[in-house]
Amino acid sequence: VRPGMVTGFLGPNGAGKSTTMRLILGLDRPTAGTVTV
């Protein structure tokens, strides 16, 4: 997700959007992989 633009995050219910946001914020820990700010 790059600066200087509005990036929309879309997906059906249950697609993993809220979980992904929680992982970005460190509210949940990933099982594998990384996400950085």
PDB file of all heavy atoms in Angstrom:
ATOM      1  N   VAL A   1       0.874  -1.171   0.000  1.00  0.00           N
ATOM      2  CA  VAL A   1       0.000   0.000   0.000  1.00  0.00           C
ATOM      3  C   VAL A   1       0.910   1.220   0.000  1.00  0.00           C
ATOM      4  O   VAL A   1       1.650   1.459   0.954  1.00  0.00           O
ATOM      5  CB  VAL A   1      -0.920   0.025   1.233  1.00  0.00           C
ATOM      6  CG1 VAL A   1      -1.897   1.199   1.127  1.00  0.00           C
ATOM      7  CG2 VAL A   1      -1.686  -1.286   1.355  1.00  0.00           C
ATOM      8  N   ARG A   2       0.864   1.980  -1.077  1.00  0.00           N
ATOM      9  CA  ARG A   2       1.799   3.088  -1.280  1.00  0.00           C
ATOM     10  C   ARG A   2       1.186   4.437  -0.908  1.00  0.00           C
ATOM     11  O   ARG A   2      -0.037   4.605  -0.951  1.00  0.00           O
ATOM     12  CB  ARG A   2       2.266   3.104  -2.736  1.00  0.00           C
ATOM     13  CG  ARG A   2       3.108   1.891  -3.105  1.00  0.00           C
ATOM     14  CD  ARG A   2       3.542   1.904  -4.562  1.00  0.00           C
ATOM     15  NE  ARG A   2       4.505   0.843  -4.836  1.00  0.00           N
ATOM     16  CZ  ARG A   2       4.174  -0.427  -5.066  1.00  0.00           C
ATOM     17  NH1 ARG A   2       2.897  -0.784  -5.063  1.00  0.00           N
ATOM     18  NH2 ARG A   2       5.110  -1.331  -5.283  1.00  0.00           N
ATOM     19  N   PRO A   3       2.048   5.397  -0.581  1.00  0.00           N
ATOM     20  CA  PRO A   3       1.556   6.744  -0.249  1.00  0.00           C
ATOM     21  C   PRO A   3       1.101   7.505  -1.478  1.00  0.00           C
ATOM     22  O   PRO A   3       1.408   7.130  -2.614  1.00  0.00           O
ATOM     23  CB  PRO A   3       2.795   7.402   0.379  1.00  0.00           C
ATOM     24  CG  PRO A   3       3.963   6.688  -0.230  1.00  0.00           C
ATOM     25  CD  PRO A   3       3.505   5.270  -0.443  1.00  0.00           C
ATOM     26  N   GLY A   4       0.349   8.576  -1.235  1.00  0.00           N
ATOM     27  CA  GLY A   4      -0.054   9.463  -2.312  1.00  0.00           C
ATOM     28  C   GLY A   4      -1.298   9.053  -3.055  1.00  0.00           C
ATOM     29  O   GLY A   4      -1.634   9.666  -4.074  1.00  0.00           O
ATOM     30  N   MET A   5      -1.985   8.023  -2.594  1.00  0.00           N
ATOM     31  CA  MET A   5      -3.212   7.578  -3.246  1.00  0.00           C
ATOM     32  C   MET A   5      -4.129   6.930  -2.210  1.00  0.00           C
ATOM     33  O   MET A   5      -3.678   6.504  -1.147  1.00  0.00           O
ATOM     34  CB  MET A   5      -2.907   6.583  -4.365  1.00  0.00           C
ATOM     35  CG  MET A   5      -2.297   5.279  -3.900  1.00  0.00           C
ATOM     36  SD  MET A   5      -1.975   4.124  -5.264  1.00  0.00           S
ATOM     37  CE  MET A   5      -0.549   4.910  -6.005  1.00  0.00           C
ATOM     38  N   VAL A   6      -5.405   6.869  -2.529  1.00  0.00           N
ATOM     39  CA  VAL A   6      -6.357   6.140  -1.685  1.00  0.00           C
ATOM     40  C   VAL A   6      -6.418   4.709  -2.212  1.00  0.00           C
ATOM     41  O   VAL A   6      -6.759   4.477  -3.376  1.00  0.00           O
ATOM     42  CB  VAL A   6      -7.761   6.775  -1.730  1.00  0.00           C
ATOM     43  CG1 VAL A   6      -8.737   5.951  -0.886  1.00  0.00           C
ATOM     44  CG2 VAL A   6      -7.714   8.212  -1.234  1.00  0.00           C
ATOM     45  N   THR A   7      -6.064   3.756  -1.358  1.00  0.00           N
ATOM     46  CA  THR A   7      -6.105   2.345  -1.736  1.00  0.00           C
ATOM     47  C   THR A   7      -7.319   1.699  -1.098  1.00  0.00           C
ATOM     48  O   THR A   7      -7.455   1.686   0.127  1.00  0.00           O
ATOM     49  CB  THR A   7      -4.829   1.612  -1.290  1.00  0.00           C
ATOM     50  OG1 THR A   7      -3.696   2.213  -1.921  1.00  0.00           O
ATOM     51  CG2 THR A   7      -4.892   0.138  -1.671  1.00  0.00           C
ATOM     52  N   GLY A   8      -8.216   1.198  -1.923  1.00  0.00           N
ATOM     53  CA  GLY A   8      -9.404   0.511  -1.429  1.00  0.00           C
ATOM     54  C   GLY A   8      -9.102  -0.952  -1.149  1.00  0.00           C
ATOM     55  O   GLY A   8      -8.358  -1.591  -1.899  1.00  0.00           O
ATOM     56  N   PHE A   9      -9.694  -1.466  -0.084  1.00  0.00           N
ATOM     57  CA  PHE A   9      -9.495  -2.854   0.329  1.00  0.00           C
ATOM     58  C   PHE A   9     -10.859  -3.529   0.267  1.00  0.00           C
ATOM     59  O   PHE A   9     -11.732  -3.261   1.082  1.00  0.00           O
ATOM     60  CB  PHE A   9      -8.925  -2.881   1.741  1.00  0.00           C
ATOM     61  CG  PHE A   9      -8.395  -4.224   2.180  1.00  0.00           C
ATOM     62  CD1 PHE A   9      -7.843  -5.121   1.288  1.00  0.00           C
ATOM     63  CD2 PHE A   9      -8.430  -4.575   3.520  1.00  0.00           C
ATOM     64  CE1 PHE A   9      -7.339  -6.345   1.696  1.00  0.00           C
ATOM     65  CE2 PHE A   9      -7.931  -5.794   3.959  1.00  0.00           C
ATOM     66  CZ  PHE A   9      -7.389  -6.678   3.042  1.00  0.00           C
ATOM     67  N   LEU A  10     -11.055  -4.397  -0.740  1.00  0.00           N
ATOM     68  CA  LEU A  10     -12.363  -4.982  -1.006  1.00  0.00           C
ATOM     69  C   LEU A  10     -12.339  -6.501  -0.864  1.00  0.00           C
ATOM     70  O   LEU A  10     -11.307  -7.138  -1.059  1.00  0.00           O
ATOM     71  CB  LEU A  10     -12.825  -4.636  -2.422  1.00  0.00           C
ATOM     72  CG  LEU A  10     -12.873  -3.167  -2.828  1.00  0.00           C
ATOM     73  CD1 LEU A  10     -13.378  -3.041  -4.263  1.00  0.00           C
ATOM     74  CD2 LEU A  10     -13.743  -2.377  -1.875  1.00  0.00           C
ATOM     75  N   GLY A  11     -13.497  -7.046  -0.589  1.00  0.00           N
ATOM     76  CA  GLY A  11     -13.654  -8.490  -0.531  1.00  0.00           C
ATOM     77  C   GLY A  11     -15.005  -8.828   0.056  1.00  0.00           C
ATOM     78  O   GLY A  11     -15.589  -8.040   0.815  1.00  0.00           O
ATOM     79  N   PRO A  12     -15.553 -10.002  -0.276  1.00  0.00           N
ATOM     80  CA  PRO A  12     -16.832 -10.422   0.303  1.00  0.00           C
ATOM     81  C   PRO A  12     -16.707 -10.603   1.813  1.00  0.00           C
ATOM     82  O   PRO A  12     -15.602 -10.612   2.374  1.00  0.00           O
ATOM     83  CB  PRO A  12     -17.106 -11.773  -0.385  1.00  0.00           C
ATOM     84  CG  PRO A  12     -16.175 -11.824  -1.553  1.00  0.00           C
ATOM     85  CD  PRO A  12     -14.983 -11.002  -1.186  1.00  0.00           C
ATOM     86  N   ASN A  13     -17.843 -10.769   2.490  1.00  0.00           N
ATOM     87  CA  ASN A  13     -17.816 -11.084   3.915  1.00  0.00           C
ATOM     88  C   ASN A  13     -17.012 -12.358   4.148  1.00  0.00           C
ATOM     89  O   ASN A  13     -17.144 -13.331   3.401  1.00  0.00           O
ATOM     90  CB  ASN A  13     -19.241 -11.291   4.442  1.00  0.00           C
ATOM     91  CG  ASN A  13     -20.003  -9.990   4.559  1.00  0.00           C
ATOM     92  OD1 ASN A  13     -19.411  -8.932   4.677  1.00  0.00           O
ATOM     93  ND2 ASN A  13     -21.322 -10.076   4.516  1.00  0.00           N
ATOM     94  N   GLY A  14     -16.165 -12.329   5.167  1.00  0.00           N
ATOM     95  CA  GLY A  14     -15.363 -13.494   5.479  1.00  0.00           C
ATOM     96  C   GLY A  14     -14.122 -13.633   4.622  1.00  0.00           C
ATOM     97  O   GLY A  14     -13.436 -14.653   4.672  1.00  0.00           O
ATOM     98  N   ALA A  15     -13.789 -12.583   3.851  1.00  0.00           N
ATOM     99  CA  ALA A  15     -12.642 -12.661   2.945  1.00  0.00           C
ATOM    100  C   ALA A  15     -11.306 -12.485   3.653  1.00  0.00           C
ATOM    101  O   ALA A  15     -10.261 -12.777   3.087  1.00  0.00           O
ATOM    102  CB  ALA A  15     -12.764 -11.612   1.844  1.00  0.00           C
ATOM    103  N   GLY A  16     -11.332 -11.958   4.889  1.00  0.00           N
ATOM    104  CA  GLY A  16     -10.097 -11.752   5.638  1.00  0.00           C
ATOM    105  C   GLY A  16      -9.655 -10.305   5.739  1.00  0.00           C
ATOM    106  O   GLY A  16      -8.534 -10.027   6.181  1.00  0.00           O
ATOM    107  N   LYS A  17     -10.522  -9.364   5.375  1.00  0.00           N
ATOM    108  CA  LYS A  17     -10.136  -7.948   5.394  1.00  0.00           C
ATOM    109  C   LYS A  17      -9.853  -7.459   6.815  1.00  0.00           C
ATOM    110  O   LYS A  17      -8.806  -6.854   7.070  1.00  0.00           O
ATOM    111  CB  LYS A  17     -11.244  -7.096   4.754  1.00  0.00           C
ATOM    112  CG  LYS A  17     -11.557  -7.446   3.319  1.00  0.00           C
ATOM    113  CD  LYS A  17     -12.501  -6.452   2.698  1.00  0.00           C
ATOM    114  CE  LYS A  17     -13.809  -6.291   3.456  1.00  0.00           C
ATOM    115  NZ  LYS A  17     -14.586  -7.563   3.529  1.00  0.00           N
ATOM    116  N   SER A  18     -10.793  -7.683   7.722  1.00  0.00           N
ATOM    117  CA  SER A  18     -10.607  -7.195   9.091  1.00  0.00           C
ATOM    118  C   SER A  18      -9.421  -7.875   9.763  1.00  0.00           C
ATOM    119  O   SER A  18      -8.654  -7.228  10.493  1.00  0.00           O
ATOM    120  CB  SER A  18     -11.886  -7.434   9.918  1.00  0.00           C
ATOM    121  OG  SER A  18     -12.950  -6.652   9.413  1.00  0.00           O
ATOM    122  N   THR A  19      -9.248  -9.162   9.508  1.00  0.00           N
ATOM    123  CA  THR A  19      -8.095  -9.873  10.073  1.00  0.00           C
ATOM    124  C   THR A  19      -6.802  -9.275   9.557  1.00  0.00           C
ATOM    125  O   THR A  19      -5.844  -9.073  10.320  1.00  0.00           O
ATOM    126  CB  THR A  19      -8.160 -11.368   9.717  1.00  0.00           C
ATOM    127  OG1 THR A  19      -9.355 -11.930  10.243  1.00  0.00           O
ATOM    128  CG2 THR A  19      -6.958 -12.110  10.290  1.00  0.00           C
ATOM    129  N   THR A  20      -6.749  -8.968   8.266  1.00  0.00           N
ATOM    130  CA  THR A  20      -5.547  -8.367   7.692  1.00  0.00           C
ATOM    131  C   THR A  20      -5.243  -7.030   8.342  1.00  0.00           C
ATOM    132  O   THR A  20      -4.079  -6.722   8.661  1.00  0.00           O
ATOM    133  CB  THR A  20      -5.717  -8.196   6.173  1.00  0.00           C
ATOM    134  OG1 THR A  20      -5.946  -9.471   5.569  1.00  0.00           O
ATOM    135  CG2 THR A  20      -4.483  -7.562   5.554  1.00  0.00           C
ATOM    136  N   MET A  21      -6.273  -6.224   8.562  1.00  0.00           N
ATOM    137  CA  MET A  21      -6.056  -4.924   9.201  1.00  0.00           C
ATOM    138  C   MET A  21      -5.548  -5.092  10.633  1.00  0.00           C
ATOM    139  O   MET A  21      -4.675  -4.343  11.090  1.00  0.00           O
ATOM    140  CB  MET A  21      -7.342  -4.100   9.165  1.00  0.00           C
ATOM    141  CG  MET A  21      -7.664  -3.539   7.779  1.00  0.00           C
ATOM    142  SD  MET A  21      -9.057  -2.390   7.815  1.00  0.00           S
ATOM    143  CE  MET A  21      -8.654  -1.319   6.430  1.00  0.00           C
ATOM    144  N   ARG A  22      -6.076  -6.063  11.330  1.00  0.00           N
ATOM    145  CA  ARG A  22      -5.613  -6.329  12.693  1.00  0.00           C
ATOM    146  C   ARG A  22      -4.148  -6.796  12.683  1.00  0.00           C
ATOM    147  O   ARG A  22      -3.366  -6.439  13.579  1.00  0.00           O
ATOM    148  CB  ARG A  22      -6.503  -7.371  13.365  1.00  0.00           C
ATOM    149  CG  ARG A  22      -7.906  -6.861  13.704  1.00  0.00           C
ATOM    150  CD  ARG A  22      -8.742  -7.939  14.386  1.00  0.00           C
ATOM    151  NE  ARG A  22      -8.130  -8.382  15.632  1.00  0.00           N
ATOM    152  CZ  ARG A  22      -8.257  -7.766  16.813  1.00  0.00           C
ATOM    153  NH1 ARG A  22      -8.969  -6.659  16.901  1.00  0.00           N
ATOM    154  NH2 ARG A  22      -7.677  -8.249  17.893  1.00  0.00           N
ATOM    155  N   LEU A  23      -3.785  -7.564  11.694  1.00  0.00           N
ATOM    156  CA  LEU A  23      -2.395  -8.018  11.585  1.00  0.00           C
ATOM    157  C   LEU A  23      -1.459  -6.837  11.305  1.00  0.00           C
ATOM    158  O   LEU A  23      -0.354  -6.763  11.851  1.00  0.00           O
ATOM    159  CB  LEU A  23      -2.268  -9.062  10.472  1.00  0.00           C
ATOM    160  CG  LEU A  23      -2.921 -10.420  10.739  1.00  0.00           C
ATOM    161  CD1 LEU A  23      -2.942 -11.253   9.472  1.00  0.00           C
ATOM    162  CD2 LEU A  23      -2.196 -11.168  11.856  1.00  0.00           C
ATOM    163  N   ILE A  24      -1.901  -5.910  10.460  1.00  0.00           N
ATOM    164  CA  ILE A  24      -1.095  -4.723  10.169  1.00  0.00           C
ATOM    165  C   ILE A  24      -0.839  -3.927  11.441  1.00  0.00           C
ATOM    166  O   ILE A  24       0.283  -3.456  11.693  1.00  0.00           O
ATOM    167  CB  ILE A  24      -1.787  -3.838   9.119  1.00  0.00           C
ATOM    168  CG1 ILE A  24      -1.854  -4.554   7.767  1.00  0.00           C
ATOM    169  CG2 ILE A  24      -1.056  -2.498   8.964  1.00  0.00           C
ATOM    170  CD1 ILE A  24      -2.748  -3.859   6.752  1.00  0.00           C
ATOM    171  N   LEU A  25      -1.869  -3.802  12.278  1.00  0.00           N
ATOM    172  CA  LEU A  25      -1.774  -2.997  13.490  1.00  0.00           C
ATOM    173  C   LEU A  25      -1.121  -3.739  14.660  1.00  0.00           C
ATOM    174  O   LEU A  25      -0.938  -3.153  15.731  1.00  0.00           O
ATOM    175  CB  LEU A  25      -3.168  -2.520  13.906  1.00  0.00           C
ATOM    176  CG  LEU A  25      -3.820  -1.521  12.950  1.00  0.00           C
ATOM    177  CD1 LEU A  25      -5.285  -1.309  13.313  1.00  0.00           C
ATOM    178  CD2 LEU A  25      -3.070  -0.199  12.980  1.00  0.00           C
ATOM    179  N   GLY A  26      -0.811  -5.018  14.454  1.00  0.00           N
ATOM    180  CA  GLY A  26      -0.192  -5.778  15.527  1.00  0.00           C
ATOM    181  C   GLY A  26      -1.165  -6.247  16.585  1.00  0.00           C
ATOM    182  O   GLY A  26      -0.748  -6.688  17.668  1.00  0.00           O
ATOM    183  N   LEU A  27      -2.454  -6.167  16.301  1.00  0.00           N
ATOM    184  CA  LEU A  27      -3.468  -6.637  17.253  1.00  0.00           C
ATOM    185  C   LEU A  27      -3.572  -8.155  17.237  1.00  0.00           C
ATOM    186  O   LEU A  27      -4.057  -8.762  18.190  1.00  0.00           O
ATOM    187  CB  LEU A  27      -4.823  -6.005  16.925  1.00  0.00           C
ATOM    188  CG  LEU A  27      -4.857  -4.476  16.997  1.00  0.00           C
ATOM    189  CD1 LEU A  27      -6.218  -3.948  16.538  1.00  0.00           C
ATOM    190  CD2 LEU A  27      -4.555  -3.989  18.415  1.00  0.00           C
ATOM    191  N   ASP A  28      -3.166  -8.776  16.150  1.00  0.00           N
ATOM    192  CA  ASP A  28      -3.032 -10.232  16.037  1.00  0.00           C
ATOM    193  C   ASP A  28      -1.646 -10.529  15.492  1.00  0.00           C
ATOM    194  O   ASP A  28      -1.053  -9.695  14.798  1.00  0.00           O
ATOM    195  CB  ASP A  28      -4.092 -10.818  15.088  1.00  0.00           C
ATOM    196  CG  ASP A  28      -5.464 -10.909  15.739  1.00  0.00           C
ATOM    197  OD1 ASP A  28      -5.540 -10.990  16.977  1.00  0.00           O
ATOM    198  OD2 ASP A  28      -6.463 -10.885  14.994  1.00  0.00           O
ATOM    199  N   ARG A  29      -1.149 -11.708  15.787  1.00  0.00           N
ATOM    200  CA  ARG A  29       0.145 -12.124  15.261  1.00  0.00           C
ATOM    201  C   ARG A  29      -0.074 -13.060  14.074  1.00  0.00           C
ATOM    202  O   ARG A  29      -0.920 -13.950  14.139  1.00  0.00           O
ATOM    203  CB  ARG A  29       0.959 -12.852  16.337  1.00  0.00           C
ATOM    204  CG  ARG A  29       1.423 -11.958  17.484  1.00  0.00           C
ATOM    205  CD  ARG A  29       2.267 -12.757  18.458  1.00  0.00           C
ATOM    206  NE  ARG A  29       2.682 -11.959  19.598  1.00  0.00           N
ATOM    207  CZ  ARG A  29       3.780 -11.208  19.639  1.00  0.00           C
ATOM    208  NH1 ARG A  29       4.561 -11.155  18.564  1.00  0.00           N
ATOM    209  NH2 ARG A  29       4.099 -10.519  20.719  1.00  0.00           N
ATOM    210  N   PRO A  30       0.688 -12.882  13.013  1.00  0.00           N
ATOM    211  CA  PRO A  30       0.539 -13.782  11.869  1.00  0.00           C
ATOM    212  C   PRO A  30       1.018 -15.190  12.183  1.00  0.00           C
ATOM    213  O   PRO A  30       1.948 -15.373  12.968  1.00  0.00           O
ATOM    214  CB  PRO A  30       1.402 -13.127  10.787  1.00  0.00           C
ATOM    215  CG  PRO A  30       2.399 -12.292  11.528  1.00  0.00           C
ATOM    216  CD  PRO A  30       1.698 -11.838  12.764  1.00  0.00           C
ATOM    217  N   THR A  31       0.370 -16.171  11.566  1.00  0.00           N
ATOM    218  CA  THR A  31       0.825 -17.556  11.663  1.00  0.00           C
ATOM    219  C   THR A  31       2.104 -17.740  10.861  1.00  0.00           C
ATOM    220  O   THR A  31       3.000 -18.499  11.234  1.00  0.00           O
ATOM    221  CB  THR A  31      -0.268 -18.503  11.148  1.00  0.00           C
ATOM    222  OG1 THR A  31      -1.478 -18.263  11.871  1.00  0.00           O
ATOM    223  CG2 THR A  31       0.141 -19.961  11.328  1.00  0.00           C
ATOM    224  N   ALA A  32       2.190 -17.013   9.744  1.00  0.00           N
ATOM    225  CA  ALA A  32       3.380 -17.049   8.896  1.00  0.00           C
ATOM    226  C   ALA A  32       3.450 -15.747   8.122  1.00  0.00           C
ATOM    227  O   ALA A  32       2.461 -15.025   7.988  1.00  0.00           O
ATOM    228  CB  ALA A  32       3.332 -18.239   7.940  1.00  0.00           C
ATOM    229  N   GLY A  33       4.649 -15.441   7.605  1.00  0.00           N
ATOM    230  CA  GLY A  33       4.816 -14.227   6.825  1.00  0.00           C
ATOM    231  C   GLY A  33       4.959 -12.998   7.699  1.00  0.00           C
ATOM    232  O   GLY A  33       4.974 -13.071   8.928  1.00  0.00           O
ATOM    233  N   THR A  34       5.038 -11.845   7.038  1.00  0.00           N
ATOM    234  CA  THR A  34       5.221 -10.578   7.751  1.00  0.00           C
ATOM    235  C   THR A  34       4.358  -9.487   7.144  1.00  0.00           C
ATOM    236  O   THR A  34       3.959  -9.555   5.979  1.00  0.00           O
ATOM    237  CB  THR A  34       6.693 -10.118   7.682  1.00  0.00           C
ATOM    238  OG1 THR A  34       7.059  -9.918   6.300  1.00  0.00           O
ATOM    239  CG2 THR A  34       7.620 -11.128   8.330  1.00  0.00           C
ATOM    240  N   VAL A  35       4.086  -8.475   7.950  1.00  0.00           N
ATOM    241  CA  VAL A  35       3.477  -7.247   7.441  1.00  0.00           C
ATOM    242  C   VAL A  35       4.133  -6.095   8.189  1.00  0.00           C
ATOM    243  O   VAL A  35       4.224  -6.101   9.413  1.00  0.00           O
ATOM    244  CB  VAL A  35       1.947  -7.241   7.605  1.00  0.00           C
ATOM    245  CG1 VAL A  35       1.512  -7.356   9.062  1.00  0.00           C
ATOM    246  CG2 VAL A  35       1.346  -5.994   6.957  1.00  0.00           C
ATOM    247  N   THR A  36       4.638  -5.126   7.440  1.00  0.00           N
ATOM    248  CA  THR A  36       5.380  -4.021   8.039  1.00  0.00           C
ATOM    249  C   THR A  36       4.808  -2.680   7.618  1.00  0.00           C
ATOM    250  O   THR A  36       4.159  -2.547   6.578  1.00  0.00           O
ATOM    251  CB  THR A  36       6.866  -4.066   7.623  1.00  0.00           C
ATOM    252  OG1 THR A  36       6.955  -4.011   6.178  1.00  0.00           O
ATOM    253  CG2 THR A  36       7.530  -5.343   8.124  1.00  0.00           C
ATOM    254  N   VAL A  37       5.047  -1.684   8.463  1.00  0.00           N
ATOM    255  CA  VAL A  37       4.702  -0.294   8.170  1.00  0.00           C
ATOM    256  C   VAL A  37       6.008   0.480   8.159  1.00  0.00           C
ATOM    257  O   VAL A  37       6.715   0.530   9.174  1.00  0.00           O
ATOM    258  CB  VAL A  37       3.746   0.283   9.217  1.00  0.00           C
ATOM    259  CG1 VAL A  37       3.439   1.749   8.896  1.00  0.00           C
ATOM    260  CG2 VAL A  37       2.454  -0.524   9.282  1.00  0.00           C
TER     261      VAL A  37
END
